[in-house]
Amino acid sequence: MSSSSSLMLVVVLVGIIVAPKAEGSQAFFVFGDSLVDNGNNNFLATSARADNPPYGIDYPNHRATGRFSNGYNIPDIISQEIRAESTMAYLDPLLNGEKLLVGANFASAGVGILNDTGYEFVNMLRMYKQLELFEMYQCRVTNLIGEEAKTKLKVYDLGARRVLVMGAGPLGCVPAMLASWSNDGNCATELQKAASIFNRQLVEAIKDLNQEIGSDSFIAVNTKRMQHDFIDNPQDYGKQFLEFVKIEAYHVLFIDRYSSN
């Protein structure tokens, strides 16, 4: 790995760090929860799993891969944009040798910012554990490429220019929350308010962080507004996306109308 290498990190629970594209190799690291887990939980004794259909039905091989998605997930799409291979789950025994230089995915479904989040799933890679595994990754890369290159793999000094910090999404619209909080099918008001409060406080925290480091590298992303925009203005995201929304809306109406018994 040369001095021109650029490194990338995704932390969906905290944000997305994107380094500028440079000549030479790039490494891409992923930390977070089910939004970005691409198979680590397949190797854990946990109920938070995505290794069975319908997960993966639109993946190239049409098989469940451990991604909590019908196909590709966020890290896959970022990898495609930087013309790199998708990062492999760190717990995957096939991640070794030259594949380590692509980066690694440490994300684990069920985790949260707090260590007691997701206790009902029994076992997952909590955030502190993900960072511990990252240190192990550095040791493995040191053996592969040498100590000098390894020093470039520090989390903060990744050469990143933009850190997109993802706010809370529309929590009150999550199906599990609708089932337990909503009586009329509408998004749960209190949870929606909680997400809005969190997002406002997150913006202030990011401002303080930028002042502390003397840079505007960290940028707040209004995830809640983005997801509502997908629903309210699907035409802005292309014909294929619009058709998908129409199909999903039909399924929801059909299920609501004919499965009440």
C-alpha atoms as a PDB file:
ATOM      1  CA  MET A   1       0.000   0.000   0.000  1.00  0.00           C
ATOM      2  CA  SER A   2       1.704   3.199  -1.201  1.00  0.00           C
ATOM      3  CA  SER A   3       1.714   6.657   0.354  1.00  0.00           C
ATOM      4  CA  SER A   4      -0.927   7.666  -2.184  1.00  0.00           C
ATOM      5  CA  SER A   5      -3.412   5.155  -0.798  1.00  0.00           C
ATOM      6  CA  SER A   6      -6.738   6.518   0.389  1.00  0.00           C
ATOM      7  CA  LEU A   7      -8.796   4.913   3.124  1.00  0.00           C
ATOM      8  CA  MET A   8     -12.525   4.937   3.656  1.00  0.00           C
ATOM      9  CA  LEU A   9     -14.721   4.170   6.632  1.00  0.00           C
ATOM     10  CA  VAL A  10     -18.455   3.718   7.016  1.00  0.00           C
ATOM     11  CA  VAL A  11     -20.037   3.916  10.459  1.00  0.00           C
ATOM     12  CA  VAL A  12     -23.760   3.966   9.896  1.00  0.00           C
ATOM     13  CA  LEU A  13     -24.558   4.227  13.597  1.00  0.00           C
ATOM     14  CA  VAL A  14     -22.326   7.291  13.583  1.00  0.00           C
ATOM     15  CA  GLY A  15     -21.959   8.243   9.952  1.00  0.00           C
ATOM     16  CA  ILE A  16     -20.232   7.684   6.638  1.00  0.00           C
ATOM     17  CA  ILE A  17     -16.655   8.806   6.100  1.00  0.00           C
ATOM     18  CA  VAL A  18     -15.669   9.263   2.480  1.00  0.00           C
ATOM     19  CA  ALA A  19     -12.086   9.889   1.477  1.00  0.00           C
ATOM     20  CA  PRO A  20     -11.249  11.660  -1.785  1.00  0.00           C
ATOM     21  CA  LYS A  21     -10.376   9.302  -4.595  1.00  0.00           C
ATOM     22  CA  ALA A  22      -6.635   9.188  -5.085  1.00  0.00           C
ATOM     23  CA  GLU A  23      -4.168   7.300  -7.225  1.00  0.00           C
ATOM     24  CA  GLY A  24      -3.191   3.948  -5.839  1.00  0.00           C
ATOM     25  CA  SER A  25      -5.163   1.512  -3.738  1.00  0.00           C
ATOM     26  CA  GLN A  26      -8.113   2.268  -1.493  1.00  0.00           C
ATOM     27  CA  ALA A  27      -9.267   0.555   1.672  1.00  0.00           C
ATOM     28  CA  PHE A  28     -12.856   0.717   2.863  1.00  0.00           C
ATOM     29  CA  PHE A  29     -14.049  -0.062   6.397  1.00  0.00           C
ATOM     30  CA  VAL A  30     -17.598  -0.506   7.635  1.00  0.00           C
ATOM     31  CA  PHE A  31     -18.906  -0.300  11.208  1.00  0.00           C
ATOM     32  CA  GLY A  32     -22.554  -0.279  12.258  1.00  0.00           C
ATOM     33  CA  ASP A  33     -25.747  -2.299  12.462  1.00  0.00           C
ATOM     34  CA  SER A  34     -28.105  -4.203  10.150  1.00  0.00           C
ATOM     35  CA  LEU A  35     -28.143  -1.356   7.623  1.00  0.00           C
ATOM     36  CA  VAL A  36     -24.588  -2.295   6.673  1.00  0.00           C
ATOM     37  CA  ASP A  37     -23.985  -5.809   8.052  1.00  0.00           C
ATOM     38  CA  ASN A  38     -23.024  -8.018   5.113  1.00  0.00           C
ATOM     39  CA  GLY A  39     -22.739 -11.333   6.879  1.00  0.00           C
ATOM     40  CA  ASN A  40     -20.935 -11.093  10.209  1.00  0.00           C
ATOM     41  CA  ASN A  41     -24.006 -12.331  12.056  1.00  0.00           C
ATOM     42  CA  ASN A  42     -23.951 -15.484   9.925  1.00  0.00           C
ATOM     43  CA  PHE A  43     -20.977 -16.522  12.043  1.00  0.00           C
ATOM     44  CA  LEU A  44     -22.570 -15.718  15.412  1.00  0.00           C
ATOM     45  CA  ALA A  45     -25.088 -17.567  17.568  1.00  0.00           C
ATOM     46  CA  THR A  46     -27.772 -14.887  17.303  1.00  0.00           C
ATOM     47  CA  SER A  47     -31.395 -14.540  16.291  1.00  0.00           C
ATOM     48  CA  ALA A  48     -30.558 -11.388  14.291  1.00  0.00           C
ATOM     49  CA  ARG A  49     -29.858 -13.167  11.027  1.00  0.00           C
ATOM     50  CA  ALA A  50     -30.484 -12.616   7.336  1.00  0.00           C
ATOM     51  CA  ASP A  51     -29.345 -15.941   5.940  1.00  0.00           C
ATOM     52  CA  ASN A  52     -32.708 -17.155   4.643  1.00  0.00           C
ATOM     53  CA  PRO A  53     -35.162 -15.999   1.942  1.00  0.00           C
ATOM     54  CA  PRO A  54     -36.612 -13.547   1.161  1.00  0.00           C
ATOM     55  CA  TYR A  55     -33.320 -11.821   1.974  1.00  0.00           C
ATOM     56  CA  GLY A  56     -31.094 -11.785  -1.090  1.00  0.00           C
ATOM     57  CA  ILE A  57     -33.810 -12.435  -3.679  1.00  0.00           C
ATOM     58  CA  ASP A  58     -32.422  -9.647  -5.896  1.00  0.00           C
ATOM     59  CA  TYR A  59     -28.743 -10.293  -5.152  1.00  0.00           C
ATOM     60  CA  PRO A  60     -26.813 -11.521  -8.246  1.00  0.00           C
ATOM     61  CA  ASN A  61     -26.901 -15.141  -7.068  1.00  0.00           C
ATOM     62  CA  HIS A  62     -30.455 -14.745  -5.637  1.00  0.00           C
ATOM     63  CA  ARG A  63     -29.302 -16.165  -2.311  1.00  0.00           C
ATOM     64  CA  ALA A  64     -29.389 -14.765   1.210  1.00  0.00           C
ATOM     65  CA  THR A  65     -25.909 -13.497   2.055  1.00  0.00           C
ATOM     66  CA  GLY A  66     -26.395 -12.114   5.554  1.00  0.00           C
ATOM     67  CA  ARG A  67     -27.262  -8.669   4.227  1.00  0.00           C
ATOM     68  CA  PHE A  68     -30.534  -7.348   5.645  1.00  0.00           C
ATOM     69  CA  SER A  69     -31.652  -6.441   2.161  1.00  0.00           C
ATOM     70  CA  ASN A  70     -33.291  -7.926  -0.891  1.00  0.00           C
ATOM     71  CA  GLY A  71     -30.002  -7.293  -2.738  1.00  0.00           C
ATOM     72  CA  TYR A  72     -27.067  -4.949  -2.329  1.00  0.00           C
ATOM     73  CA  ASN A  73     -26.748  -2.756   0.750  1.00  0.00           C
ATOM     74  CA  ILE A  74     -25.216   0.685   1.326  1.00  0.00           C
ATOM     75  CA  PRO A  75     -21.547  -0.423   1.509  1.00  0.00           C
ATOM     76  CA  ASP A  76     -21.952  -2.453  -1.700  1.00  0.00           C
ATOM     77  CA  ILE A  77     -23.213   0.600  -3.542  1.00  0.00           C
ATOM     78  CA  ILE A  78     -20.377   2.767  -2.212  1.00  0.00           C
ATOM     79  CA  SER A  79     -17.865   0.115  -3.283  1.00  0.00           C
ATOM     80  CA  GLN A  80     -19.382   0.121  -6.762  1.00  0.00           C
ATOM     81  CA  GLU A  81     -19.105   3.897  -6.934  1.00  0.00           C
ATOM     82  CA  ILE A  82     -15.382   3.802  -6.086  1.00  0.00           C
ATOM     83  CA  ARG A  83     -14.918   0.850  -8.458  1.00  0.00           C
ATOM     84  CA  ALA A  84     -13.774  -1.480  -5.731  1.00  0.00           C
ATOM     85  CA  GLU A  85     -14.753  -4.935  -4.555  1.00  0.00           C
ATOM     86  CA  SER A  86     -17.398  -5.150  -1.859  1.00  0.00           C
ATOM     87  CA  THR A  87     -15.867  -5.450   1.588  1.00  0.00           C
ATOM     88  CA  MET A  88     -16.172  -8.890   3.154  1.00  0.00           C
ATOM     89  CA  ALA A  89     -17.523  -9.605   6.629  1.00  0.00           C
ATOM     90  CA  TYR A  90     -14.572  -9.616   9.011  1.00  0.00           C
ATOM     91  CA  LEU A  91     -15.713 -12.875  10.616  1.00  0.00           C
ATOM     92  CA  ASP A  92     -15.793 -14.612   7.239  1.00  0.00           C
ATOM     93  CA  PRO A  93     -12.897 -17.117   7.222  1.00  0.00           C
ATOM     94  CA  LEU A  94     -12.405 -16.379   3.517  1.00  0.00           C
ATOM     95  CA  LEU A  95     -11.212 -12.858   4.357  1.00  0.00           C
ATOM     96  CA  ASN A  96      -7.460 -13.285   4.215  1.00  0.00           C
ATOM     97  CA  GLY A  97      -4.392 -12.491   2.155  1.00  0.00           C
ATOM     98  CA  GLU A  98      -4.755  -9.816  -0.497  1.00  0.00           C
ATOM     99  CA  LYS A  99      -8.492  -9.539   0.224  1.00  0.00           C
ATOM    100  CA  LEU A 100      -7.609  -7.782   3.490  1.00  0.00           C
ATOM    101  CA  LEU A 101      -6.247  -4.862   1.487  1.00  0.00           C
ATOM    102  CA  VAL A 102      -9.727  -4.108   0.137  1.00  0.00           C
ATOM    103  CA  GLY A 103     -10.857  -3.363   3.703  1.00  0.00           C
ATOM    104  CA  ALA A 104     -13.324  -5.121   5.953  1.00  0.00           C
ATOM    105  CA  ASN A 105     -16.888  -4.959   7.219  1.00  0.00           C
ATOM    106  CA  PHE A 106     -17.240  -5.123  11.015  1.00  0.00           C
ATOM    107  CA  ALA A 107     -20.962  -4.276  11.199  1.00  0.00           C
ATOM    108  CA  SER A 108     -23.357  -6.488  13.120  1.00  0.00           C
ATOM    109  CA  ALA A 109     -27.156  -6.452  13.066  1.00  0.00           C
ATOM    110  CA  GLY A 110     -28.847  -5.650  16.352  1.00  0.00           C
ATOM    111  CA  VAL A 111     -26.239  -3.336  17.862  1.00  0.00           C
ATOM    112  CA  GLY A 112     -26.825   0.236  18.931  1.00  0.00           C
ATOM    113  CA  ILE A 113     -24.853   3.154  20.285  1.00  0.00           C
ATOM    114  CA  LEU A 114     -25.450   1.812  23.798  1.00  0.00           C
ATOM    115  CA  ASN A 115     -23.973  -1.538  24.782  1.00  0.00           C
ATOM    116  CA  ASP A 116     -27.284  -2.812  26.176  1.00  0.00           C
ATOM    117  CA  THR A 117     -29.123  -2.254  22.886  1.00  0.00           C
ATOM    118  CA  GLY A 118     -30.301  -5.453  21.216  1.00  0.00           C
ATOM    119  CA  TYR A 119     -29.922  -7.710  24.242  1.00  0.00           C
ATOM    120  CA  GLU A 120     -32.857  -9.780  22.964  1.00  0.00           C
ATOM    121  CA  PHE A 121     -30.729 -10.949  20.030  1.00  0.00           C
ATOM    122  CA  VAL A 122     -28.339 -12.659  22.487  1.00  0.00           C
ATOM    123  CA  ASN A 123     -25.113 -12.221  20.564  1.00  0.00           C
ATOM    124  CA  MET A 124     -23.715  -9.604  18.188  1.00  0.00           C
ATOM    125  CA  LEU A 125     -20.614  -7.486  17.658  1.00  0.00           C
ATOM    126  CA  ARG A 126     -21.224  -4.451  19.844  1.00  0.00           C
ATOM    127  CA  MET A 127     -19.536  -1.239  18.831  1.00  0.00           C
ATOM    128  CA  TYR A 128     -16.601  -1.638  21.210  1.00  0.00           C
ATOM    129  CA  LYS A 129     -16.087  -5.151  19.866  1.00  0.00           C
ATOM    130  CA  GLN A 130     -16.149  -3.906  16.287  1.00  0.00           C
ATOM    131  CA  LEU A 131     -13.345  -1.482  17.139  1.00  0.00           C
ATOM    132  CA  GLU A 132     -11.396  -4.249  18.868  1.00  0.00           C
ATOM    133  CA  LEU A 133     -11.695  -6.353  15.717  1.00  0.00           C
ATOM    134  CA  PHE A 134     -10.456  -3.380  13.711  1.00  0.00           C
ATOM    135  CA  GLU A 135      -7.305  -3.402  15.854  1.00  0.00           C
ATOM    136  CA  MET A 136      -6.931  -7.110  15.113  1.00  0.00           C
ATOM    137  CA  TYR A 137      -7.356  -6.284  11.432  1.00  0.00           C
ATOM    138  CA  GLN A 138      -4.479  -3.803  11.682  1.00  0.00           C
ATOM    139  CA  CYS A 139      -2.241  -6.510  13.136  1.00  0.00           C
ATOM    140  CA  ARG A 140      -3.126  -8.870  10.310  1.00  0.00           C
ATOM    141  CA  VAL A 141      -2.419  -6.181   7.722  1.00  0.00           C
ATOM    142  CA  THR A 142       0.889  -5.378   9.451  1.00  0.00           C
ATOM    143  CA  ASN A 143       1.984  -8.959   8.885  1.00  0.00           C
ATOM    144  CA  LEU A 144       0.946  -8.618   5.261  1.00  0.00           C
ATOM    145  CA  ILE A 145       2.265  -5.207   4.241  1.00  0.00           C
ATOM    146  CA  GLY A 146       4.537  -4.022   7.053  1.00  0.00           C
ATOM    147  CA  GLU A 147       4.452  -1.642  10.016  1.00  0.00           C
ATOM    148  CA  GLU A 148       4.836   1.597   8.031  1.00  0.00           C
ATOM    149  CA  ALA A 149       1.703   1.038   5.975  1.00  0.00           C
ATOM    150  CA  LYS A 150      -0.232  -0.118   9.039  1.00  0.00           C
ATOM    151  CA  THR A 151       0.134   3.314  10.660  1.00  0.00           C
ATOM    152  CA  LYS A 152      -2.124   4.708   7.959  1.00  0.00           C
ATOM    153  CA  LEU A 153      -5.021   2.613   9.223  1.00  0.00           C
ATOM    154  CA  LYS A 154      -5.880   4.714  12.284  1.00  0.00           C
ATOM    155  CA  VAL A 155      -9.599   5.428  12.475  1.00  0.00           C
ATOM    156  CA  TYR A 156      -9.338   9.209  12.730  1.00  0.00           C
ATOM    157  CA  ASP A 157      -6.384   9.717  10.395  1.00  0.00           C
ATOM    158  CA  LEU A 158      -7.962   8.009   7.417  1.00  0.00           C
ATOM    159  CA  GLY A 159      -7.441  10.954   5.103  1.00  0.00           C
ATOM    160  CA  ALA A 160     -11.177  11.536   5.015  1.00  0.00           C
ATOM    161  CA  ARG A 161     -12.505  14.864   3.824  1.00  0.00           C
ATOM    162  CA  ARG A 162     -16.184  14.351   4.524  1.00  0.00           C
ATOM    163  CA  VAL A 163     -17.861  12.470   7.370  1.00  0.00           C
ATOM    164  CA  LEU A 164     -21.582  12.080   6.781  1.00  0.00           C
ATOM    165  CA  VAL A 165     -23.218  11.537  10.151  1.00  0.00           C
ATOM    166  CA  MET A 166     -26.548   9.797   9.714  1.00  0.00           C
ATOM    167  CA  GLY A 167     -29.364  11.040  11.913  1.00  0.00           C
ATOM    168  CA  ALA A 168     -32.299   8.991  13.157  1.00  0.00           C
ATOM    169  CA  GLY A 169     -34.761   7.906  10.502  1.00  0.00           C
ATOM    170  CA  PRO A 170     -38.568   7.903  10.785  1.00  0.00           C
ATOM    171  CA  LEU A 171     -38.602   5.614  13.824  1.00  0.00           C
ATOM    172  CA  GLY A 172     -42.357   5.823  14.196  1.00  0.00           C
ATOM    173  CA  CYS A 173     -42.846   4.324  10.724  1.00  0.00           C
ATOM    174  CA  VAL A 174     -40.803   1.159  11.304  1.00  0.00           C
ATOM    175  CA  PRO A 175     -43.149  -1.851  10.919  1.00  0.00           C
ATOM    176  CA  ALA A 176     -42.355  -3.216  14.388  1.00  0.00           C
ATOM    177  CA  MET A 177     -43.137   0.177  15.928  1.00  0.00           C
ATOM    178  CA  LEU A 178     -46.324   0.534  13.903  1.00  0.00           C
ATOM    179  CA  ALA A 179     -47.468  -2.828  15.252  1.00  0.00           C
ATOM    180  CA  SER A 180     -46.886  -1.881  18.891  1.00  0.00           C
ATOM    181  CA  TRP A 181     -47.480   1.898  18.932  1.00  0.00           C
ATOM    182  CA  SER A 182     -50.048   2.686  16.229  1.00  0.00           C
ATOM    183  CA  ASN A 183     -53.770   1.981  16.319  1.00  0.00           C
ATOM    184  CA  ASP A 184     -54.663   3.392  12.890  1.00  0.00           C
ATOM    185  CA  GLY A 185     -51.704   2.461  10.696  1.00  0.00           C
ATOM    186  CA  ASN A 186     -50.191   5.920  10.823  1.00  0.00           C
ATOM    187  CA  CYS A 187     -46.633   6.501  12.003  1.00  0.00           C
ATOM    188  CA  ALA A 188     -46.304   6.680  15.790  1.00  0.00           C
ATOM    189  CA  THR A 189     -46.274  10.373  16.704  1.00  0.00           C
ATOM    190  CA  GLU A 190     -44.188  10.137  19.875  1.00  0.00           C
ATOM    191  CA  LEU A 191     -41.431   8.176  18.180  1.00  0.00           C
ATOM    192  CA  GLN A 192     -41.400  10.609  15.282  1.00  0.00           C
ATOM    193  CA  LYS A 193     -40.980  13.468  17.752  1.00  0.00           C
ATOM    194  CA  ALA A 194     -38.158  11.596  19.497  1.00  0.00           C
ATOM    195  CA  ALA A 195     -36.321  11.195  16.182  1.00  0.00           C
ATOM    196  CA  SER A 196     -36.686  14.903  15.461  1.00  0.00           C
ATOM    197  CA  ILE A 197     -35.346  15.854  18.909  1.00  0.00           C
ATOM    198  CA  PHE A 198     -32.382  13.516  18.489  1.00  0.00           C
ATOM    199  CA  ASN A 199     -31.580  14.939  15.051  1.00  0.00           C
ATOM    200  CA  ARG A 200     -31.594  18.531  16.312  1.00  0.00           C
ATOM    201  CA  GLN A 201     -29.244  17.624  19.156  1.00  0.00           C
ATOM    202  CA  LEU A 202     -27.029  15.699  16.747  1.00  0.00           C
ATOM    203  CA  VAL A 203     -26.584  18.810  14.589  1.00  0.00           C
ATOM    204  CA  GLU A 204     -25.430  20.779  17.625  1.00  0.00           C
ATOM    205  CA  ALA A 205     -23.034  18.006  18.663  1.00  0.00           C
ATOM    206  CA  ILE A 206     -21.527  17.974  15.173  1.00  0.00           C
ATOM    207  CA  LYS A 207     -21.033  21.733  15.248  1.00  0.00           C
ATOM    208  CA  ASP A 208     -19.147  21.387  18.533  1.00  0.00           C
ATOM    209  CA  LEU A 209     -17.018  18.564  17.115  1.00  0.00           C
ATOM    210  CA  ASN A 210     -16.105  20.568  14.023  1.00  0.00           C
ATOM    211  CA  GLN A 211     -15.050  23.472  16.224  1.00  0.00           C
ATOM    212  CA  GLU A 212     -12.958  21.140  18.368  1.00  0.00           C
ATOM    213  CA  ILE A 213     -11.027  19.701  15.409  1.00  0.00           C
ATOM    214  CA  GLY A 214     -10.911  22.997  13.505  1.00  0.00           C
ATOM    215  CA  SER A 215     -12.520  21.596  10.384  1.00  0.00           C
ATOM    216  CA  ASP A 216     -15.948  21.207   8.814  1.00  0.00           C
ATOM    217  CA  SER A 217     -15.336  17.557   7.926  1.00  0.00           C
ATOM    218  CA  PHE A 218     -18.436  16.302   9.780  1.00  0.00           C
ATOM    219  CA  ILE A 219     -21.792  16.865   8.089  1.00  0.00           C
ATOM    220  CA  ALA A 220     -25.211  15.946   9.479  1.00  0.00           C
ATOM    221  CA  VAL A 221     -27.477  13.953   7.179  1.00  0.00           C
ATOM    222  CA  ASN A 222     -31.226  14.248   7.743  1.00  0.00           C
ATOM    223  CA  THR A 223     -32.104  10.583   7.239  1.00  0.00           C
ATOM    224  CA  LYS A 224     -35.693  11.122   8.342  1.00  0.00           C
ATOM    225  CA  ARG A 225     -36.296  13.740   5.655  1.00  0.00           C
ATOM    226  CA  MET A 226     -34.543  11.645   3.010  1.00  0.00           C
ATOM    227  CA  GLN A 227     -36.714   8.597   3.637  1.00  0.00           C
ATOM    228  CA  HIS A 228     -39.893  10.643   3.582  1.00  0.00           C
ATOM    229  CA  ASP A 229     -38.727  12.160   0.299  1.00  0.00           C
ATOM    230  CA  PHE A 230     -38.398   8.670  -1.191  1.00  0.00           C
ATOM    231  CA  ILE A 231     -42.055   8.096  -0.335  1.00  0.00           C
ATOM    232  CA  ASP A 232     -43.443  11.534  -1.185  1.00  0.00           C
ATOM    233  CA  ASN A 233     -41.434  12.144  -4.389  1.00  0.00           C
ATOM    234  CA  PRO A 234     -40.482   8.751  -5.868  1.00  0.00           C
ATOM    235  CA  GLN A 235     -40.502  10.223  -9.380  1.00  0.00           C
ATOM    236  CA  ASP A 236     -37.309  12.112  -8.534  1.00  0.00           C
ATOM    237  CA  TYR A 237     -35.396   8.837  -8.247  1.00  0.00           C
ATOM    238  CA  GLY A 238     -36.067   7.372 -11.657  1.00  0.00           C
ATOM    239  CA  LYS A 239     -38.691   5.257 -13.385  1.00  0.00           C
ATOM    240  CA  GLN A 240     -37.526   1.952 -11.893  1.00  0.00           C
ATOM    241  CA  PHE A 241     -37.775   3.315  -8.349  1.00  0.00           C
ATOM    242  CA  LEU A 242     -41.224   4.764  -9.092  1.00  0.00           C
ATOM    243  CA  GLU A 243     -42.480   1.409 -10.382  1.00  0.00           C
ATOM    244  CA  PHE A 244     -41.097  -0.310  -7.278  1.00  0.00           C
ATOM    245  CA  VAL A 245     -42.978   2.112  -5.002  1.00  0.00           C
ATOM    246  CA  LYS A 246     -46.211   1.521  -6.929  1.00  0.00           C
ATOM    247  CA  ILE A 247     -45.846  -2.253  -6.584  1.00  0.00           C
ATOM    248  CA  GLU A 248     -45.094  -2.005  -2.874  1.00  0.00           C
ATOM    249  CA  ALA A 249     -48.045   0.336  -2.327  1.00  0.00           C
ATOM    250  CA  TYR A 250     -50.318  -2.165  -4.125  1.00  0.00           C
ATOM    251  CA  HIS A 251     -49.059  -4.995  -1.907  1.00  0.00           C
ATOM    252  CA  VAL A 252     -49.709  -2.961   1.221  1.00  0.00           C
ATOM    253  CA  LEU A 253     -53.251  -2.083   0.107  1.00  0.00           C
ATOM    254  CA  PHE A 254     -53.967  -5.685  -0.911  1.00  0.00           C
ATOM    255  CA  ILE A 255     -52.746  -7.095   2.411  1.00  0.00           C
ATOM    256  CA  ASP A 256     -54.625  -4.474   4.390  1.00  0.00           C
ATOM    257  CA  ARG A 257     -57.836  -5.121   2.464  1.00  0.00           C
ATOM    258  CA  TYR A 258     -57.872  -8.893   2.282  1.00  0.00           C
ATOM    259  CA  SER A 259     -56.014 -10.185   5.319  1.00  0.00           C
ATOM    260  CA  SER A 260     -58.104  -8.606   8.072  1.00  0.00           C
ATOM    261  CA  ASN A 261     -59.494 -11.992   9.004  1.00  0.00           C
END
